PDB file of N, CA and C in Angstrom:
ATOM      1  N   MET A   1     -39.381  12.903 -43.465  1.00  0.00           N
ATOM      2  CA  MET A   1     -39.417  11.399 -43.663  1.00  0.00           C
ATOM      3  C   MET A   1     -38.335  10.609 -43.664  1.00  0.00           C
ATOM      4  N   ALA A   2     -38.672   9.597 -42.865  1.00  0.00           N
ATOM      5  CA  ALA A   2     -37.551   8.503 -42.016  1.00  0.00           C
ATOM      6  C   ALA A   2     -37.432   7.095 -43.124  1.00  0.00           C
ATOM      7  N   GLU A   3     -36.280   6.838 -43.106  1.00  0.00           N
ATOM      8  CA  GLU A   3     -36.225   5.557 -43.950  1.00  0.00           C
ATOM      9  C   GLU A   3     -35.111   4.528 -42.780  1.00  0.00           C
ATOM     10  N   PRO A   4     -35.356   3.847 -43.127  1.00  0.00           N
ATOM     11  CA  PRO A   4     -36.877   3.321 -43.051  1.00  0.00           C
ATOM     12  C   PRO A   4     -37.727   3.206 -41.862  1.00  0.00           C
ATOM     13  N   ASP A   5     -38.779   2.817 -42.281  1.00  0.00           N
ATOM     14  CA  ASP A   5     -39.911   3.614 -41.250  1.00  0.00           C
ATOM     15  C   ASP A   5     -39.759   2.952 -39.783  1.00  0.00           C
ATOM     16  N   GLN A   6     -38.920   2.055 -39.606  1.00  0.00           N
ATOM     17  CA  GLN A   6     -38.690   1.394 -38.213  1.00  0.00           C
ATOM     18  C   GLN A   6     -37.530   1.325 -37.538  1.00  0.00           C
ATOM     19  N   TRP A   7     -37.147   1.718 -36.384  1.00  0.00           N
ATOM     20  CA  TRP A   7     -35.964   1.343 -36.102  1.00  0.00           C
ATOM     21  C   TRP A   7     -35.461  -0.144 -36.335  1.00  0.00           C
ATOM     22  N   ALA A   8     -34.072  -0.159 -36.124  1.00  0.00           N
ATOM     23  CA  ALA A   8     -33.273  -1.289 -36.450  1.00  0.00           C
ATOM     24  C   ALA A   8     -32.310  -1.615 -35.412  1.00  0.00           C
ATOM     25  N   GLU A   9     -32.531  -3.057 -34.913  1.00  0.00           N
ATOM     26  CA  GLU A   9     -31.366  -3.111 -34.441  1.00  0.00           C
ATOM     27  C   GLU A   9     -29.660  -3.270 -34.957  1.00  0.00           C
ATOM     28  N   VAL A  10     -28.818  -2.559 -34.616  1.00  0.00           N
ATOM     29  CA  VAL A  10     -27.603  -2.365 -35.334  1.00  0.00           C
ATOM     30  C   VAL A  10     -26.464  -2.450 -34.129  1.00  0.00           C
ATOM     31  N   GLU A  11     -25.741  -3.592 -34.104  1.00  0.00           N
ATOM     32  CA  GLU A  11     -24.368  -3.637 -33.277  1.00  0.00           C
ATOM     33  C   GLU A  11     -24.992  -3.179 -31.704  1.00  0.00           C
ATOM     34  N   GLY A  12     -25.938  -3.826 -31.473  1.00  0.00           N
ATOM     35  CA  GLY A  12     -26.128  -3.040 -30.064  1.00  0.00           C
ATOM     36  C   GLY A  12     -26.913  -2.206 -29.978  1.00  0.00           C
ATOM     37  N   ALA A  13     -27.646  -0.958 -31.081  1.00  0.00           N
ATOM     38  CA  ALA A  13     -27.929   0.060 -30.892  1.00  0.00           C
ATOM     39  C   ALA A  13     -29.005   0.273 -31.517  1.00  0.00           C
ATOM     40  N   LEU A  14     -30.335   1.213 -31.360  1.00  0.00           N
ATOM     41  CA  LEU A  14     -31.187   1.335 -32.026  1.00  0.00           C
ATOM     42  C   LEU A  14     -30.664   2.431 -33.179  1.00  0.00           C
ATOM     43  N   GLU A  15     -30.967   2.079 -34.238  1.00  0.00           N
ATOM     44  CA  GLU A  15     -30.517   3.054 -35.131  1.00  0.00           C
ATOM     45  C   GLU A  15     -31.820   3.177 -36.442  1.00  0.00           C
ATOM     46  N   ARG A  16     -31.828   4.684 -36.871  1.00  0.00           N
ATOM     47  CA  ARG A  16     -32.537   4.898 -37.843  1.00  0.00           C
ATOM     48  C   ARG A  16     -31.910   6.039 -38.788  1.00  0.00           C
ATOM     49  N   THR A  17     -32.488   6.327 -40.160  1.00  0.00           N
ATOM     50  CA  THR A  17     -31.771   7.161 -40.732  1.00  0.00           C
ATOM     51  C   THR A  17     -33.476   8.071 -41.330  1.00  0.00           C
ATOM     52  N   PHE A  18     -32.776   9.079 -41.024  1.00  0.00           N
ATOM     53  CA  PHE A  18     -34.133  10.621 -41.313  1.00  0.00           C
ATOM     54  C   PHE A  18     -33.768  11.017 -42.594  1.00  0.00           C
ATOM     55  N   SER A  19     -34.494  11.133 -43.655  1.00  0.00           N
ATOM     56  CA  SER A  19     -34.356  12.203 -44.519  1.00  0.00           C
ATOM     57  C   SER A  19     -35.672  13.479 -44.965  1.00  0.00           C
ATOM     58  N   PHE A  20     -34.357  14.586 -45.100  1.00  0.00           N
ATOM     59  CA  PHE A  20     -34.972  15.610 -45.218  1.00  0.00           C
ATOM     60  C   PHE A  20     -34.901  16.171 -46.399  1.00  0.00           C
ATOM     61  N   PRO A  21     -35.452  17.254 -46.848  1.00  0.00           N
ATOM     62  CA  PRO A  21     -35.894  18.274 -48.068  1.00  0.00           C
ATOM     63  C   PRO A  21     -34.622  19.122 -48.239  1.00  0.00           C
ATOM     64  N   THR A  22     -33.794  19.517 -47.020  1.00  0.00           N
ATOM     65  CA  THR A  22     -32.267  20.497 -47.357  1.00  0.00           C
ATOM     66  C   THR A  22     -32.249  19.967 -46.037  1.00  0.00           C
ATOM     67  N   PHE A  23     -30.637  20.423 -45.977  1.00  0.00           N
ATOM     68  CA  PHE A  23     -29.508  20.326 -45.161  1.00  0.00           C
ATOM     69  C   PHE A  23     -30.280  21.371 -43.851  1.00  0.00           C
ATOM     70  N   VAL A  24     -30.659  22.245 -44.078  1.00  0.00           N
ATOM     71  CA  VAL A  24     -31.703  22.968 -42.980  1.00  0.00           C
ATOM     72  C   VAL A  24     -32.458  22.562 -42.102  1.00  0.00           C
ATOM     73  N   GLU A  25     -33.336  21.604 -42.610  1.00  0.00           N
ATOM     74  CA  GLU A  25     -34.111  21.146 -42.348  1.00  0.00           C
ATOM     75  C   GLU A  25     -33.472  19.863 -41.181  1.00  0.00           C
ATOM     76  N   ALA A  26     -32.572  19.492 -42.066  1.00  0.00           N
ATOM     77  CA  ALA A  26     -31.827  18.203 -41.248  1.00  0.00           C
ATOM     78  C   ALA A  26     -31.262  18.820 -40.395  1.00  0.00           C
ATOM     79  N   LEU A  27     -30.361  19.815 -39.798  1.00  0.00           N
ATOM     80  CA  LEU A  27     -29.821  20.486 -38.894  1.00  0.00           C
ATOM     81  C   LEU A  27     -30.684  20.520 -37.698  1.00  0.00           C
ATOM     82  N   ALA A  28     -31.662  21.440 -38.303  1.00  0.00           N
ATOM     83  CA  ALA A  28     -32.948  21.423 -36.849  1.00  0.00           C
ATOM     84  C   ALA A  28     -33.732  20.178 -36.610  1.00  0.00           C
ATOM     85  N   PHE A  29     -33.589  19.663 -37.125  1.00  0.00           N
ATOM     86  CA  PHE A  29     -33.790  17.845 -36.385  1.00  0.00           C
ATOM     87  C   PHE A  29     -32.526  17.767 -35.800  1.00  0.00           C
ATOM     88  N   VAL A  30     -31.721  17.996 -35.864  1.00  0.00           N
ATOM     89  CA  VAL A  30     -30.443  17.402 -34.653  1.00  0.00           C
ATOM     90  C   VAL A  30     -30.338  18.398 -33.459  1.00  0.00           C
ATOM     91  N   ASN A  31     -30.715  19.594 -33.979  1.00  0.00           N
ATOM     92  CA  ASN A  31     -30.968  20.713 -32.656  1.00  0.00           C
ATOM     93  C   ASN A  31     -32.124  20.322 -31.678  1.00  0.00           C
ATOM     94  N   ARG A  32     -33.128  19.753 -32.726  1.00  0.00           N
ATOM     95  CA  ARG A  32     -34.385  19.754 -31.783  1.00  0.00           C
ATOM     96  C   ARG A  32     -34.103  18.110 -30.876  1.00  0.00           C
ATOM     97  N   VAL A  33     -33.790  17.423 -31.872  1.00  0.00           N
ATOM     98  CA  VAL A  33     -32.821  16.010 -31.080  1.00  0.00           C
ATOM     99  C   VAL A  33     -32.139  16.410 -30.046  1.00  0.00           C
ATOM    100  N   GLY A  34     -31.318  17.010 -30.280  1.00  0.00           N
ATOM    101  CA  GLY A  34     -29.998  17.787 -28.878  1.00  0.00           C
ATOM    102  C   GLY A  34     -30.730  18.129 -27.700  1.00  0.00           C
ATOM    103  N   GLU A  35     -31.649  18.872 -28.282  1.00  0.00           N
ATOM    104  CA  GLU A  35     -32.473  19.457 -27.066  1.00  0.00           C
ATOM    105  C   GLU A  35     -32.888  18.470 -25.964  1.00  0.00           C
ATOM    106  N   LEU A  36     -33.861  17.618 -26.657  1.00  0.00           N
ATOM    107  CA  LEU A  36     -34.467  16.487 -26.150  1.00  0.00           C
ATOM    108  C   LEU A  36     -33.333  15.662 -25.391  1.00  0.00           C
ATOM    109  N   ALA A  37     -32.267  15.622 -25.838  1.00  0.00           N
ATOM    110  CA  ALA A  37     -31.103  14.378 -25.247  1.00  0.00           C
ATOM    111  C   ALA A  37     -30.893  15.501 -23.822  1.00  0.00           C
ATOM    112  N   GLU A  38     -30.377  16.856 -24.228  1.00  0.00           N
ATOM    113  CA  GLU A  38     -30.275  16.922 -22.880  1.00  0.00           C
ATOM    114  C   GLU A  38     -31.240  17.614 -22.052  1.00  0.00           C
ATOM    115  N   ALA A  39     -32.342  17.433 -21.836  1.00  0.00           N
ATOM    116  CA  ALA A  39     -33.640  17.322 -21.098  1.00  0.00           C
ATOM    117  C   ALA A  39     -33.370  16.050 -20.212  1.00  0.00           C
ATOM    118  N   GLU A  40     -33.236  14.912 -21.289  1.00  0.00           N
ATOM    119  CA  GLU A  40     -33.297  13.454 -20.635  1.00  0.00           C
ATOM    120  C   GLU A  40     -31.896  13.143 -19.962  1.00  0.00           C
ATOM    121  N   ASN A  41     -30.779  13.747 -20.180  1.00  0.00           N
ATOM    122  CA  ASN A  41     -29.307  13.382 -19.986  1.00  0.00           C
ATOM    123  C   ASN A  41     -29.216  12.322 -20.475  1.00  0.00           C
ATOM    124  N   HIS A  42     -29.426  12.085 -21.746  1.00  0.00           N
ATOM    125  CA  HIS A  42     -28.927  10.785 -22.507  1.00  0.00           C
ATOM    126  C   HIS A  42     -28.963  10.834 -23.909  1.00  0.00           C
ATOM    127  N   HIS A  43     -27.779  10.883 -24.282  1.00  0.00           N
ATOM    128  CA  HIS A  43     -27.213  11.258 -25.706  1.00  0.00           C
ATOM    129  C   HIS A  43     -27.050   9.900 -26.683  1.00  0.00           C
ATOM    130  N   PRO A  44     -27.594   9.874 -28.046  1.00  0.00           N
ATOM    131  CA  PRO A  44     -27.727   9.236 -28.968  1.00  0.00           C
ATOM    132  C   PRO A  44     -26.331   9.570 -29.858  1.00  0.00           C
ATOM    133  N   ASP A  45     -25.575   8.655 -30.359  1.00  0.00           N
ATOM    134  CA  ASP A  45     -25.014   9.143 -31.613  1.00  0.00           C
ATOM    135  C   ASP A  45     -25.396  10.015 -32.688  1.00  0.00           C
ATOM    136  N   ILE A  46     -25.263  10.522 -33.366  1.00  0.00           N
ATOM    137  CA  ILE A  46     -25.657  11.205 -34.180  1.00  0.00           C
ATOM    138  C   ILE A  46     -24.646  11.610 -35.667  1.00  0.00           C
ATOM    139  N   ALA A  47     -25.252  11.241 -36.853  1.00  0.00           N
ATOM    140  CA  ALA A  47     -24.741  11.461 -37.866  1.00  0.00           C
ATOM    141  C   ALA A  47     -25.138  12.503 -39.125  1.00  0.00           C
ATOM    142  N   ILE A  48     -24.931  13.471 -39.369  1.00  0.00           N
ATOM    143  CA  ILE A  48     -25.241  14.106 -40.397  1.00  0.00           C
ATOM    144  C   ILE A  48     -24.596  14.176 -41.833  1.00  0.00           C
ATOM    145  N   HIS A  49     -25.671  13.851 -43.180  1.00  0.00           N
ATOM    146  CA  HIS A  49     -24.925  13.528 -44.171  1.00  0.00           C
ATOM    147  C   HIS A  49     -25.871  14.394 -45.067  1.00  0.00           C
ATOM    148  N   TYR A  50     -25.840  15.810 -45.238  1.00  0.00           N
ATOM    149  CA  TYR A  50     -26.346  16.880 -45.462  1.00  0.00           C
ATOM    150  C   TYR A  50     -27.908  16.782 -45.380  1.00  0.00           C
ATOM    151  N   ASN A  51     -28.862  15.785 -46.495  1.00  0.00           N
ATOM    152  CA  ASN A  51     -30.364  16.274 -46.063  1.00  0.00           C
ATOM    153  C   ASN A  51     -30.494  14.678 -45.060  1.00  0.00           C
ATOM    154  N   ARG A  52     -29.479  13.984 -44.711  1.00  0.00           N
ATOM    155  CA  ARG A  52     -29.994  12.737 -43.925  1.00  0.00           C
ATOM    156  C   ARG A  52     -29.333  12.721 -42.769  1.00  0.00           C
ATOM    157  N   VAL A  53     -29.796  12.132 -41.549  1.00  0.00           N
ATOM    158  CA  VAL A  53     -29.363  12.128 -40.263  1.00  0.00           C
ATOM    159  C   VAL A  53     -29.687  10.980 -39.580  1.00  0.00           C
ATOM    160  N   THR A  54     -29.108  10.277 -39.178  1.00  0.00           N
ATOM    161  CA  THR A  54     -28.930   8.984 -38.492  1.00  0.00           C
ATOM    162  C   THR A  54     -28.499   8.664 -37.165  1.00  0.00           C
ATOM    163  N   LEU A  55     -29.414   8.735 -36.088  1.00  0.00           N
ATOM    164  CA  LEU A  55     -29.331   8.286 -34.826  1.00  0.00           C
ATOM    165  C   LEU A  55     -29.069   7.209 -34.810  1.00  0.00           C
ATOM    166  N   ARG A  56     -28.620   6.962 -33.162  1.00  0.00           N
ATOM    167  CA  ARG A  56     -28.084   6.032 -32.919  1.00  0.00           C
ATOM    168  C   ARG A  56     -28.448   5.721 -31.033  1.00  0.00           C
ATOM    169  N   TRP A  57     -29.010   5.201 -30.547  1.00  0.00           N
ATOM    170  CA  TRP A  57     -29.682   5.156 -29.401  1.00  0.00           C
ATOM    171  C   TRP A  57     -29.327   3.966 -28.612  1.00  0.00           C
ATOM    172  N   TRP A  58     -28.102   3.818 -27.553  1.00  0.00           N
ATOM    173  CA  TRP A  58     -27.914   2.759 -26.710  1.00  0.00           C
ATOM    174  C   TRP A  58     -27.336   3.380 -25.890  1.00  0.00           C
ATOM    175  N   THR A  59     -27.231   2.304 -24.532  1.00  0.00           N
ATOM    176  CA  THR A  59     -26.968   2.656 -22.937  1.00  0.00           C
ATOM    177  C   THR A  59     -25.417   2.226 -22.904  1.00  0.00           C
ATOM    178  N   HIS A  60     -24.037   3.434 -22.647  1.00  0.00           N
ATOM    179  CA  HIS A  60     -23.074   2.747 -22.932  1.00  0.00           C
ATOM    180  C   HIS A  60     -23.048   1.876 -21.511  1.00  0.00           C
ATOM    181  N   SER A  61     -23.693   2.572 -20.228  1.00  0.00           N
ATOM    182  CA  SER A  61     -22.872   1.511 -19.211  1.00  0.00           C
ATOM    183  C   SER A  61     -23.800   0.314 -18.927  1.00  0.00           C
ATOM    184  N   ALA A  62     -24.787   0.264 -19.706  1.00  0.00           N
ATOM    185  CA  ALA A  62     -25.658  -1.199 -19.810  1.00  0.00           C
ATOM    186  C   ALA A  62     -25.130  -1.928 -21.332  1.00  0.00           C
ATOM    187  N   GLY A  63     -23.972  -1.512 -21.951  1.00  0.00           N
ATOM    188  CA  GLY A  63     -23.496  -2.146 -23.235  1.00  0.00           C
ATOM    189  C   GLY A  63     -24.754  -2.723 -24.006  1.00  0.00           C
ATOM    190  N   GLY A  64     -25.859  -2.016 -23.877  1.00  0.00           N
ATOM    191  CA  GLY A  64     -26.858  -2.299 -25.541  1.00  0.00           C
ATOM    192  C   GLY A  64     -27.987  -1.401 -25.078  1.00  0.00           C
ATOM    193  N   ILE A  65     -28.541  -1.770 -25.539  1.00  0.00           N
ATOM    194  CA  ILE A  65     -30.304  -1.072 -25.655  1.00  0.00           C
ATOM    195  C   ILE A  65     -30.858  -1.708 -24.637  1.00  0.00           C
ATOM    196  N   THR A  66     -31.607  -0.350 -23.589  1.00  0.00           N
ATOM    197  CA  THR A  66     -32.421  -0.365 -22.782  1.00  0.00           C
ATOM    198  C   THR A  66     -33.773   0.109 -23.391  1.00  0.00           C
ATOM    199  N   ASP A  67     -34.518   0.251 -22.061  1.00  0.00           N
ATOM    200  CA  ASP A  67     -35.846   0.663 -22.070  1.00  0.00           C
ATOM    201  C   ASP A  67     -35.892   2.428 -22.410  1.00  0.00           C
ATOM    202  N   ARG A  68     -35.057   2.644 -21.683  1.00  0.00           N
ATOM    203  CA  ARG A  68     -35.094   4.165 -21.925  1.00  0.00           C
ATOM    204  C   ARG A  68     -34.549   4.564 -23.376  1.00  0.00           C
ATOM    205  N   ASP A  69     -33.841   3.565 -23.807  1.00  0.00           N
ATOM    206  CA  ASP A  69     -33.457   4.011 -25.110  1.00  0.00           C
ATOM    207  C   ASP A  69     -34.462   4.079 -26.400  1.00  0.00           C
ATOM    208  N   ARG A  70     -35.631   2.876 -25.866  1.00  0.00           N
ATOM    209  CA  ARG A  70     -36.588   2.867 -26.668  1.00  0.00           C
ATOM    210  C   ARG A  70     -37.513   3.887 -27.132  1.00  0.00           C
ATOM    211  N   ASP A  71     -37.764   4.138 -25.749  1.00  0.00           N
ATOM    212  CA  ASP A  71     -38.258   5.443 -25.432  1.00  0.00           C
ATOM    213  C   ASP A  71     -37.961   6.469 -26.175  1.00  0.00           C
ATOM    214  N   LEU A  72     -36.626   7.222 -25.890  1.00  0.00           N
ATOM    215  CA  LEU A  72     -36.258   8.227 -26.607  1.00  0.00           C
ATOM    216  C   LEU A  72     -36.126   8.538 -28.228  1.00  0.00           C
ATOM    217  N   ALA A  73     -35.990   6.991 -28.527  1.00  0.00           N
ATOM    218  CA  ALA A  73     -36.130   6.051 -29.840  1.00  0.00           C
ATOM    219  C   ALA A  73     -37.273   7.297 -30.459  1.00  0.00           C
ATOM    220  N   GLU A  74     -38.410   6.594 -29.754  1.00  0.00           N
ATOM    221  CA  GLU A  74     -39.591   7.019 -30.028  1.00  0.00           C
ATOM    222  C   GLU A  74     -39.899   8.581 -30.271  1.00  0.00           C
ATOM    223  N   LYS A  75     -39.666   8.974 -28.777  1.00  0.00           N
ATOM    224  CA  LYS A  75     -39.533  10.632 -28.541  1.00  0.00           C
ATOM    225  C   LYS A  75     -38.888  11.333 -29.942  1.00  0.00           C
ATOM    226  N   SER A  76     -38.020  10.594 -30.482  1.00  0.00           N
ATOM    227  CA  SER A  76     -37.324  11.439 -31.267  1.00  0.00           C
ATOM    228  C   SER A  76     -37.608  11.203 -32.708  1.00  0.00           C
ATOM    229  N   ALA A  77     -37.842   9.977 -32.912  1.00  0.00           N
ATOM    230  CA  ALA A  77     -38.528  10.129 -34.230  1.00  0.00           C
ATOM    231  C   ALA A  77     -39.754  10.825 -34.330  1.00  0.00           C
ATOM    232  N   ALA A  78     -40.777  11.069 -33.085  1.00  0.00           N
ATOM    233  CA  ALA A  78     -41.642  12.088 -33.492  1.00  0.00           C
ATOM    234  C   ALA A  78     -41.043  13.614 -33.535  1.00  0.00           C
ATOM    235  N   LEU A  79     -40.068  13.930 -33.332  1.00  0.00           N
ATOM    236  CA  LEU A  79     -39.407  15.315 -33.558  1.00  0.00           C
ATOM    237  C   LEU A  79     -38.863  15.588 -34.821  1.00  0.00           C
ATOM    238  N   ALA A  80     -39.071  14.244 -35.846  1.00  0.00           N
ATOM    239  CA  ALA A  80     -38.846  14.176 -37.319  1.00  0.00           C
ATOM    240  C   ALA A  80     -40.362  14.689 -38.210  1.00  0.00           C
ATOM    241  N   ALA A  81     -41.705  14.542 -37.535  1.00  0.00           N
ATOM    242  CA  ALA A  81     -42.442  14.887 -38.428  1.00  0.00           C
ATOM    243  C   ALA A  81     -42.891  16.491 -38.839  1.00  0.00           C
TER     244      ALA A  81
END
């Protein structure tokens, strides 16, 4: 489950924190996001704190959020379900 249910714009990035029952499930989610990021050659900032994972999607070269970031944010949220 994600908390909150929507992505927020924080300091020029789309940010969302996902909570999981265990560290192992949080880590599995990070690995799924990593596979997506590698396939798309576009990588989020990822912070993991035991059972919580915070993702931040933004495009460095654009200096902020692009449509690509919005698309990958949506795809990565679907990986949490």
